[in-house]
């Protein structure tokens, strides 16, 4: 049993192994961990992971879902460019200079 927090080096190592080369991992009862090569990339992944999860949940409720095949997913990731406009907006919101709008 655990309190679901990463409190020890052993738990941190286990989490790092789970994430490995992947951009994110779900943590049972505790949300997710998201990584990136840069802070803007990690922030974008976090924002879009939550948005996509909500959209996927809504799509499943509506019926059959056709997911991307592995090659489509690979190409999508390869063409994602860090949007400086998005990063600028997220920074402004975090600093309280803009009113945040809900993701969905």
N, C-alpha and C. Protein backbone atom coordinates (compact mmCIF):
# COMPACT_ATOMS: atom_id res chain seq x y z
N UNK A 1 0.84 -1.18 0.00
CA UNK A 1 0.00 0.00 0.00
C UNK A 1 0.89 1.24 0.00
N UNK A 2 0.37 2.29 -0.61
CA UNK A 2 1.14 3.53 -0.72
C UNK A 2 0.18 4.71 -0.64
N UNK A 3 0.70 5.87 -0.29
CA UNK A 3 -0.12 7.07 -0.28
C UNK A 3 -0.16 7.71 -1.67
N UNK A 4 0.40 7.02 -2.65
CA UNK A 4 0.39 7.39 -4.07
C UNK A 4 1.26 8.60 -4.38
N UNK A 5 2.13 9.00 -3.46
CA UNK A 5 3.08 10.07 -3.73
C UNK A 5 4.46 9.46 -3.98
N UNK A 6 5.24 10.12 -4.79
CA UNK A 6 6.59 9.65 -5.08
C UNK A 6 7.48 10.24 -3.98
N UNK A 7 7.67 9.46 -2.91
CA UNK A 7 8.37 9.95 -1.73
C UNK A 7 9.76 9.37 -1.54
N UNK A 8 10.10 8.34 -2.31
CA UNK A 8 11.39 7.69 -2.10
C UNK A 8 12.15 7.59 -3.42
N UNK A 9 13.46 7.45 -3.36
CA UNK A 9 14.23 7.25 -4.59
C UNK A 9 13.76 6.00 -5.35
N UNK A 10 13.38 4.96 -4.64
CA UNK A 10 12.90 3.75 -5.31
C UNK A 10 11.64 3.99 -6.12
N UNK A 11 10.70 4.75 -5.56
CA UNK A 11 9.48 5.08 -6.29
C UNK A 11 9.79 5.99 -7.48
N UNK A 12 10.72 6.92 -7.30
CA UNK A 12 11.11 7.80 -8.40
C UNK A 12 11.74 7.00 -9.54
N UNK A 13 12.57 6.03 -9.20
CA UNK A 13 13.19 5.19 -10.22
C UNK A 13 12.13 4.37 -10.94
N UNK A 14 11.19 3.81 -10.19
CA UNK A 14 10.11 3.03 -10.81
C UNK A 14 9.28 3.89 -11.76
N UNK A 15 8.99 5.12 -11.35
CA UNK A 15 8.23 6.02 -12.22
C UNK A 15 9.02 6.38 -13.46
N UNK A 16 10.30 6.67 -13.30
CA UNK A 16 11.14 7.00 -14.46
C UNK A 16 11.20 5.82 -15.43
N UNK A 17 11.28 4.61 -14.92
CA UNK A 17 11.30 3.42 -15.79
C UNK A 17 9.97 3.26 -16.51
N UNK A 18 8.88 3.56 -15.81
CA UNK A 18 7.56 3.45 -16.43
C UNK A 18 7.41 4.47 -17.56
N UNK A 19 7.82 5.69 -17.31
CA UNK A 19 7.73 6.72 -18.35
C UNK A 19 8.68 6.39 -19.48
N UNK A 20 9.93 6.04 -19.13
CA UNK A 20 10.91 5.66 -20.14
C UNK A 20 10.96 6.67 -21.27
N UNK A 21 10.84 6.19 -22.52
CA UNK A 21 10.92 7.09 -23.67
C UNK A 21 9.57 7.74 -24.02
N UNK A 22 8.55 7.46 -23.21
CA UNK A 22 7.20 7.93 -23.52
C UNK A 22 6.98 9.36 -23.02
N UNK A 23 6.04 10.08 -23.62
CA UNK A 23 5.81 11.46 -23.21
C UNK A 23 5.01 11.60 -21.91
N UNK A 24 4.32 10.52 -21.49
CA UNK A 24 3.49 10.63 -20.29
C UNK A 24 3.16 9.24 -19.75
N UNK A 25 2.74 9.22 -18.51
CA UNK A 25 2.25 7.99 -17.89
C UNK A 25 1.13 8.36 -16.93
N UNK A 26 0.08 7.56 -16.93
CA UNK A 26 -1.00 7.76 -15.96
C UNK A 26 -0.57 7.16 -14.63
N UNK A 27 -0.93 7.83 -13.56
CA UNK A 27 -0.60 7.35 -12.22
C UNK A 27 -1.91 7.04 -11.50
N UNK A 28 -2.14 5.78 -11.22
CA UNK A 28 -3.40 5.33 -10.61
C UNK A 28 -3.72 6.18 -9.38
N UNK A 29 -4.89 6.78 -9.41
CA UNK A 29 -5.36 7.57 -8.29
C UNK A 29 -4.61 8.87 -8.07
N UNK A 30 -3.76 9.25 -9.02
CA UNK A 30 -2.95 10.44 -8.77
C UNK A 30 -2.70 11.26 -10.03
N UNK A 31 -3.47 11.06 -11.07
CA UNK A 31 -3.29 11.87 -12.27
C UNK A 31 -2.27 11.30 -13.23
N UNK A 32 -1.34 12.14 -13.64
CA UNK A 32 -0.37 11.72 -14.65
C UNK A 32 0.93 12.47 -14.44
N UNK A 33 1.97 11.94 -15.06
CA UNK A 33 3.25 12.62 -15.12
C UNK A 33 3.53 12.84 -16.60
N UNK A 34 3.99 14.03 -16.94
CA UNK A 34 4.25 14.39 -18.33
C UNK A 34 5.67 14.93 -18.42
N UNK A 35 6.38 14.53 -19.48
CA UNK A 35 7.75 14.99 -19.67
C UNK A 35 7.90 15.58 -21.06
N UNK A 36 8.97 16.32 -21.26
CA UNK A 36 9.26 16.89 -22.57
C UNK A 36 10.71 17.30 -22.63
N UNK A 37 11.17 17.57 -23.83
CA UNK A 37 12.55 18.03 -24.02
C UNK A 37 12.73 19.46 -23.52
N UNK A 38 11.62 20.21 -23.48
CA UNK A 38 11.65 21.59 -23.01
C UNK A 38 10.44 21.81 -22.10
N UNK A 39 10.47 22.87 -21.32
CA UNK A 39 9.32 23.18 -20.48
C UNK A 39 8.08 23.48 -21.35
N UNK A 40 8.21 24.28 -22.41
CA UNK A 40 7.02 24.51 -23.25
C UNK A 40 6.44 23.20 -23.82
N UNK A 41 7.29 22.26 -24.20
CA UNK A 41 6.80 20.99 -24.73
C UNK A 41 6.08 20.19 -23.65
N UNK A 42 6.61 20.15 -22.46
CA UNK A 42 5.96 19.42 -21.37
C UNK A 42 4.62 20.06 -21.02
N UNK A 43 4.57 21.39 -20.99
CA UNK A 43 3.31 22.09 -20.69
C UNK A 43 2.28 21.81 -21.78
N UNK A 44 2.69 21.88 -23.04
CA UNK A 44 1.77 21.61 -24.14
C UNK A 44 1.23 20.19 -24.05
N UNK A 45 2.11 19.24 -23.78
CA UNK A 45 1.65 17.85 -23.65
C UNK A 45 0.63 17.70 -22.54
N UNK A 46 0.86 18.37 -21.41
CA UNK A 46 -0.07 18.28 -20.30
C UNK A 46 -1.43 18.88 -20.68
N UNK A 47 -1.41 20.03 -21.29
CA UNK A 47 -2.66 20.69 -21.66
C UNK A 47 -3.42 19.86 -22.68
N UNK A 48 -2.73 19.41 -23.72
CA UNK A 48 -3.42 18.67 -24.77
C UNK A 48 -3.78 17.25 -24.35
N UNK A 49 -3.02 16.66 -23.41
CA UNK A 49 -3.39 15.33 -22.93
C UNK A 49 -4.74 15.39 -22.21
N UNK A 50 -4.92 16.41 -21.37
CA UNK A 50 -6.19 16.55 -20.67
C UNK A 50 -7.33 16.83 -21.65
N UNK A 51 -7.10 17.74 -22.58
CA UNK A 51 -8.13 18.06 -23.56
C UNK A 51 -8.49 16.83 -24.39
N UNK A 52 -7.48 16.10 -24.86
CA UNK A 52 -7.75 14.92 -25.67
C UNK A 52 -8.45 13.83 -24.88
N UNK A 53 -8.13 13.69 -23.59
CA UNK A 53 -8.82 12.70 -22.76
C UNK A 53 -10.30 13.04 -22.64
N UNK A 54 -10.60 14.32 -22.45
CA UNK A 54 -12.02 14.72 -22.38
C UNK A 54 -12.73 14.46 -23.70
N UNK A 55 -12.07 14.80 -24.80
CA UNK A 55 -12.69 14.56 -26.11
C UNK A 55 -12.88 13.07 -26.37
N UNK A 56 -11.90 12.26 -25.99
CA UNK A 56 -12.01 10.82 -26.18
C UNK A 56 -13.17 10.26 -25.35
N UNK A 57 -13.29 10.71 -24.12
CA UNK A 57 -14.38 10.26 -23.26
C UNK A 57 -15.74 10.60 -23.89
N UNK A 58 -15.87 11.81 -24.43
CA UNK A 58 -17.11 12.21 -25.08
C UNK A 58 -17.37 11.39 -26.33
N UNK A 59 -16.32 11.12 -27.12
CA UNK A 59 -16.48 10.34 -28.34
C UNK A 59 -16.91 8.92 -28.02
N UNK A 60 -16.32 8.31 -27.00
CA UNK A 60 -16.69 6.95 -26.60
C UNK A 60 -18.15 6.91 -26.19
N UNK A 61 -18.62 7.95 -25.49
CA UNK A 61 -20.02 7.99 -25.07
C UNK A 61 -20.96 8.06 -26.26
N UNK A 62 -20.49 8.63 -27.37
CA UNK A 62 -21.32 8.75 -28.57
C UNK A 62 -21.36 7.48 -29.40
N UNK A 63 -20.37 6.59 -29.24
CA UNK A 63 -20.36 5.36 -30.01
C UNK A 63 -18.97 4.94 -30.41
N UNK A 64 -18.87 4.35 -31.57
CA UNK A 64 -17.62 3.79 -32.07
C UNK A 64 -16.58 4.88 -32.35
N UNK A 65 -15.33 4.61 -31.96
CA UNK A 65 -14.24 5.56 -32.16
C UNK A 65 -13.19 4.92 -33.05
N UNK A 66 -12.74 5.64 -34.06
CA UNK A 66 -11.65 5.17 -34.91
C UNK A 66 -10.39 5.90 -34.48
N UNK A 67 -9.45 5.16 -33.90
CA UNK A 67 -8.22 5.76 -33.39
C UNK A 67 -7.18 5.89 -34.50
N UNK A 68 -6.20 6.73 -34.27
CA UNK A 68 -5.09 6.83 -35.21
C UNK A 68 -4.33 5.52 -35.22
N UNK A 69 -3.85 5.13 -36.40
CA UNK A 69 -2.98 3.95 -36.42
C UNK A 69 -1.57 4.41 -36.01
N UNK A 70 -0.67 3.49 -35.69
CA UNK A 70 0.65 3.89 -35.19
C UNK A 70 1.41 4.85 -36.11
N UNK A 71 1.30 4.66 -37.42
CA UNK A 71 2.02 5.56 -38.33
C UNK A 71 1.43 6.97 -38.31
N UNK A 72 0.10 7.06 -38.27
CA UNK A 72 -0.53 8.39 -38.17
C UNK A 72 -0.10 9.09 -36.88
N UNK A 73 -0.06 8.35 -35.79
CA UNK A 73 0.36 8.94 -34.51
C UNK A 73 1.81 9.39 -34.59
N UNK A 74 2.67 8.58 -35.17
CA UNK A 74 4.08 8.94 -35.30
C UNK A 74 4.25 10.21 -36.13
N UNK A 75 3.54 10.28 -37.25
CA UNK A 75 3.62 11.47 -38.10
C UNK A 75 3.07 12.71 -37.39
N UNK A 76 2.02 12.53 -36.61
CA UNK A 76 1.46 13.65 -35.87
C UNK A 76 2.45 14.22 -34.87
N UNK A 77 3.13 13.34 -34.16
CA UNK A 77 4.14 13.78 -33.19
C UNK A 77 5.30 14.44 -33.91
N UNK A 78 5.72 13.86 -35.04
CA UNK A 78 6.88 14.38 -35.78
C UNK A 78 6.63 15.78 -36.33
N UNK A 79 5.36 16.11 -36.62
CA UNK A 79 5.07 17.41 -37.22
C UNK A 79 4.66 18.46 -36.19
N UNK A 80 4.55 18.06 -34.93
CA UNK A 80 4.18 19.03 -33.90
C UNK A 80 5.33 19.99 -33.67
N UNK A 81 5.08 21.22 -33.86
CA UNK A 81 6.09 22.24 -33.57
C UNK A 81 5.63 22.97 -32.32
N UNK A 82 6.56 23.29 -31.46
CA UNK A 82 6.20 24.06 -30.27
C UNK A 82 5.68 25.41 -30.70
N UNK A 83 4.44 25.67 -30.43
CA UNK A 83 3.84 26.93 -30.84
C UNK A 83 4.24 28.02 -29.86
N UNK A 84 5.00 28.98 -30.33
CA UNK A 84 5.41 30.07 -29.46
C UNK A 84 4.21 30.93 -29.05
N UNK A 85 3.20 30.97 -29.89
CA UNK A 85 2.00 31.74 -29.55
C UNK A 85 1.28 31.08 -28.38
N UNK A 86 1.14 29.75 -28.43
CA UNK A 86 0.48 29.05 -27.33
C UNK A 86 1.27 29.22 -26.05
N UNK A 87 2.59 29.03 -26.13
CA UNK A 87 3.43 29.16 -24.94
C UNK A 87 3.32 30.56 -24.35
N UNK A 88 3.31 31.58 -25.20
CA UNK A 88 3.18 32.96 -24.72
C UNK A 88 1.85 33.15 -23.98
N UNK A 89 0.78 32.60 -24.52
CA UNK A 89 -0.54 32.72 -23.89
C UNK A 89 -0.55 31.99 -22.54
N UNK A 90 -0.01 30.77 -22.51
CA UNK A 90 0.00 30.00 -21.26
C UNK A 90 0.82 30.72 -20.19
N UNK A 91 1.92 31.33 -20.57
CA UNK A 91 2.73 32.08 -19.61
C UNK A 91 1.95 33.27 -19.06
N UNK A 92 1.27 33.98 -19.94
CA UNK A 92 0.48 35.13 -19.50
C UNK A 92 -0.60 34.70 -18.52
N UNK A 93 -1.27 33.59 -18.82
CA UNK A 93 -2.31 33.08 -17.91
C UNK A 93 -1.71 32.68 -16.58
N UNK A 94 -0.57 32.01 -16.61
CA UNK A 94 0.07 31.57 -15.37
C UNK A 94 0.50 32.76 -14.51
N UNK A 95 0.88 33.83 -15.15
CA UNK A 95 1.30 35.02 -14.43
C UNK A 95 0.12 35.91 -14.03
N UNK A 96 -1.09 35.48 -14.37
CA UNK A 96 -2.28 36.23 -14.00
C UNK A 96 -2.55 37.44 -14.84
N UNK A 97 -1.92 37.50 -16.00
CA UNK A 97 -2.09 38.68 -16.87
C UNK A 97 -3.23 38.52 -17.84
N UNK A 98 -3.74 37.30 -17.96
CA UNK A 98 -4.89 37.05 -18.83
C UNK A 98 -5.85 36.16 -18.06
N UNK A 99 -7.11 36.31 -18.38
CA UNK A 99 -8.11 35.47 -17.74
C UNK A 99 -8.08 34.09 -18.39
N UNK A 100 -7.92 33.08 -17.58
CA UNK A 100 -7.88 31.71 -18.08
C UNK A 100 -9.29 31.28 -18.48
N UNK A 101 -9.37 30.59 -19.59
CA UNK A 101 -10.62 29.99 -20.02
C UNK A 101 -10.52 28.48 -19.81
N UNK A 102 -11.63 27.81 -19.51
CA UNK A 102 -11.57 26.36 -19.35
C UNK A 102 -11.15 25.68 -20.64
N UNK A 103 -10.51 24.51 -20.53
CA UNK A 103 -10.06 23.77 -21.69
C UNK A 103 -11.20 23.28 -22.55
N UNK A 104 -12.30 22.90 -21.93
CA UNK A 104 -13.42 22.37 -22.72
C UNK A 104 -14.73 22.87 -22.21
